[in-house]
């Protein structure tokens, strides 16, 4: 299953997480979503989002001012 890329660079909290949530809704369970963001607050936001929703935060890295998050959509309830 190919990765889906969501580029939310330049958007501020809470938009990166809201757009990621919308993108995840359109993906099948177990699919991965890679998010590119520039808002430093997104680090805490994505950790909290995954904890609260059950999605898995597979990776969180930073290259310069760009944060890259890889999430796996939770299994169907």
C-alpha atoms as a PDB file:
ATOM      1  CA  UNK A   1       0.000   0.000   0.000  1.00  0.00           C
ATOM      2  CA  UNK A   2       1.672   3.295  -1.046  1.00  0.00           C
ATOM      3  CA  UNK A   3       2.193   6.137   1.387  1.00  0.00           C
ATOM      4  CA  UNK A   4      -0.075   9.154   1.151  1.00  0.00           C
ATOM      5  CA  UNK A   5       1.656  12.536   1.474  1.00  0.00           C
ATOM      6  CA  UNK A   6      -0.024  15.560   3.022  1.00  0.00           C
ATOM      7  CA  UNK A   7       1.855  18.876   2.781  1.00  0.00           C
ATOM      8  CA  UNK A   8       0.607  21.378   5.366  1.00  0.00           C
ATOM      9  CA  UNK A   9       3.708  23.555   5.441  1.00  0.00           C
ATOM     10  CA  UNK A  10       2.929  27.150   6.354  1.00  0.00           C
ATOM     11  CA  UNK A  11      -0.252  26.289   8.251  1.00  0.00           C
ATOM     12  CA  UNK A  12      -0.529  26.968  11.980  1.00  0.00           C
ATOM     13  CA  UNK A  13      -2.119  24.997  14.793  1.00  0.00           C
ATOM     14  CA  UNK A  14      -4.658  23.391  14.710  1.00  0.00           C
ATOM     15  CA  UNK A  15      -4.854  23.153  10.898  1.00  0.00           C
ATOM     16  CA  UNK A  16      -2.090  20.543  10.357  1.00  0.00           C
ATOM     17  CA  UNK A  17      -3.804  18.056  12.684  1.00  0.00           C
ATOM     18  CA  UNK A  18      -7.287  18.844  11.358  1.00  0.00           C
ATOM     19  CA  UNK A  19      -6.180  18.290   7.762  1.00  0.00           C
ATOM     20  CA  UNK A  20      -4.369  15.070   8.739  1.00  0.00           C
ATOM     21  CA  UNK A  21      -7.514  13.818  10.466  1.00  0.00           C
ATOM     22  CA  UNK A  22      -9.552  14.507   7.330  1.00  0.00           C
ATOM     23  CA  UNK A  23      -6.964  12.736   5.160  1.00  0.00           C
ATOM     24  CA  UNK A  24      -6.918   9.703   7.475  1.00  0.00           C
ATOM     25  CA  UNK A  25     -10.713   9.386   7.255  1.00  0.00           C
ATOM     26  CA  UNK A  26     -10.349   8.750   3.527  1.00  0.00           C
ATOM     27  CA  UNK A  27      -7.759   5.987   3.962  1.00  0.00           C
ATOM     28  CA  UNK A  28      -8.311   2.302   4.748  1.00  0.00           C
ATOM     29  CA  UNK A  29      -7.312   0.908   8.184  1.00  0.00           C
ATOM     30  CA  UNK A  30      -3.575   0.293   8.406  1.00  0.00           C
ATOM     31  CA  UNK A  31      -2.724   2.840   5.701  1.00  0.00           C
ATOM     32  CA  UNK A  32       0.153   5.227   6.314  1.00  0.00           C
ATOM     33  CA  UNK A  33       0.020   9.010   6.015  1.00  0.00           C
ATOM     34  CA  UNK A  34       3.133  11.168   5.857  1.00  0.00           C
ATOM     35  CA  UNK A  35       2.621  14.782   6.921  1.00  0.00           C
ATOM     36  CA  UNK A  36       5.012  17.668   6.241  1.00  0.00           C
ATOM     37  CA  UNK A  37       4.531  20.634   8.581  1.00  0.00           C
ATOM     38  CA  UNK A  38       6.441  23.749   9.623  1.00  0.00           C
ATOM     39  CA  UNK A  39       4.554  24.693  12.801  1.00  0.00           C
ATOM     40  CA  UNK A  40       6.733  23.812  15.842  1.00  0.00           C
ATOM     41  CA  UNK A  41       3.550  23.228  17.880  1.00  0.00           C
ATOM     42  CA  UNK A  42       2.724  20.331  15.558  1.00  0.00           C
ATOM     43  CA  UNK A  43       5.186  18.135  17.482  1.00  0.00           C
ATOM     44  CA  UNK A  44       3.016  18.064  20.599  1.00  0.00           C
ATOM     45  CA  UNK A  45      -0.193  18.232  18.553  1.00  0.00           C
ATOM     46  CA  UNK A  46       0.495  15.049  16.574  1.00  0.00           C
ATOM     47  CA  UNK A  47       1.584  13.103  19.665  1.00  0.00           C
ATOM     48  CA  UNK A  48      -1.623  14.100  21.465  1.00  0.00           C
ATOM     49  CA  UNK A  49      -3.760  13.467  18.377  1.00  0.00           C
ATOM     50  CA  UNK A  50      -2.451   9.910  18.007  1.00  0.00           C
ATOM     51  CA  UNK A  51      -2.850   9.177  21.713  1.00  0.00           C
ATOM     52  CA  UNK A  52      -6.451  10.388  21.686  1.00  0.00           C
ATOM     53  CA  UNK A  53      -7.553   8.791  18.402  1.00  0.00           C
ATOM     54  CA  UNK A  54      -5.696   5.476  18.452  1.00  0.00           C
ATOM     55  CA  UNK A  55      -3.730   6.179  15.284  1.00  0.00           C
ATOM     56  CA  UNK A  56      -0.060   5.214  15.526  1.00  0.00           C
ATOM     57  CA  UNK A  57       2.731   7.769  15.244  1.00  0.00           C
ATOM     58  CA  UNK A  58       5.376   5.678  13.463  1.00  0.00           C
ATOM     59  CA  UNK A  59       8.001   8.402  13.039  1.00  0.00           C
ATOM     60  CA  UNK A  60       8.600  12.042  13.831  1.00  0.00           C
ATOM     61  CA  UNK A  61      11.656  13.782  12.358  1.00  0.00           C
ATOM     62  CA  UNK A  62      12.845  17.303  11.693  1.00  0.00           C
ATOM     63  CA  UNK A  63      14.959  18.562   8.804  1.00  0.00           C
ATOM     64  CA  UNK A  64      15.625  22.266   9.153  1.00  0.00           C
ATOM     65  CA  UNK A  65      12.251  23.909   9.730  1.00  0.00           C
ATOM     66  CA  UNK A  66      10.234  21.003   8.274  1.00  0.00           C
ATOM     67  CA  UNK A  67       8.700  18.365  10.512  1.00  0.00           C
ATOM     68  CA  UNK A  68       7.846  14.995   8.986  1.00  0.00           C
ATOM     69  CA  UNK A  69       5.313  12.723  10.678  1.00  0.00           C
ATOM     70  CA  UNK A  70       4.387   9.225   9.579  1.00  0.00           C
ATOM     71  CA  UNK A  71       1.064   7.987  10.960  1.00  0.00           C
ATOM     72  CA  UNK A  72      -0.678   4.654  10.575  1.00  0.00           C
ATOM     73  CA  UNK A  73      -4.454   4.700  10.578  1.00  0.00           C
ATOM     74  CA  UNK A  74      -5.924   2.615  13.371  1.00  0.00           C
ATOM     75  CA  UNK A  75      -7.683  -0.637  12.665  1.00  0.00           C
ATOM     76  CA  UNK A  76     -11.434  -0.459  12.243  1.00  0.00           C
ATOM     77  CA  UNK A  77     -13.263  -0.626  15.605  1.00  0.00           C
END
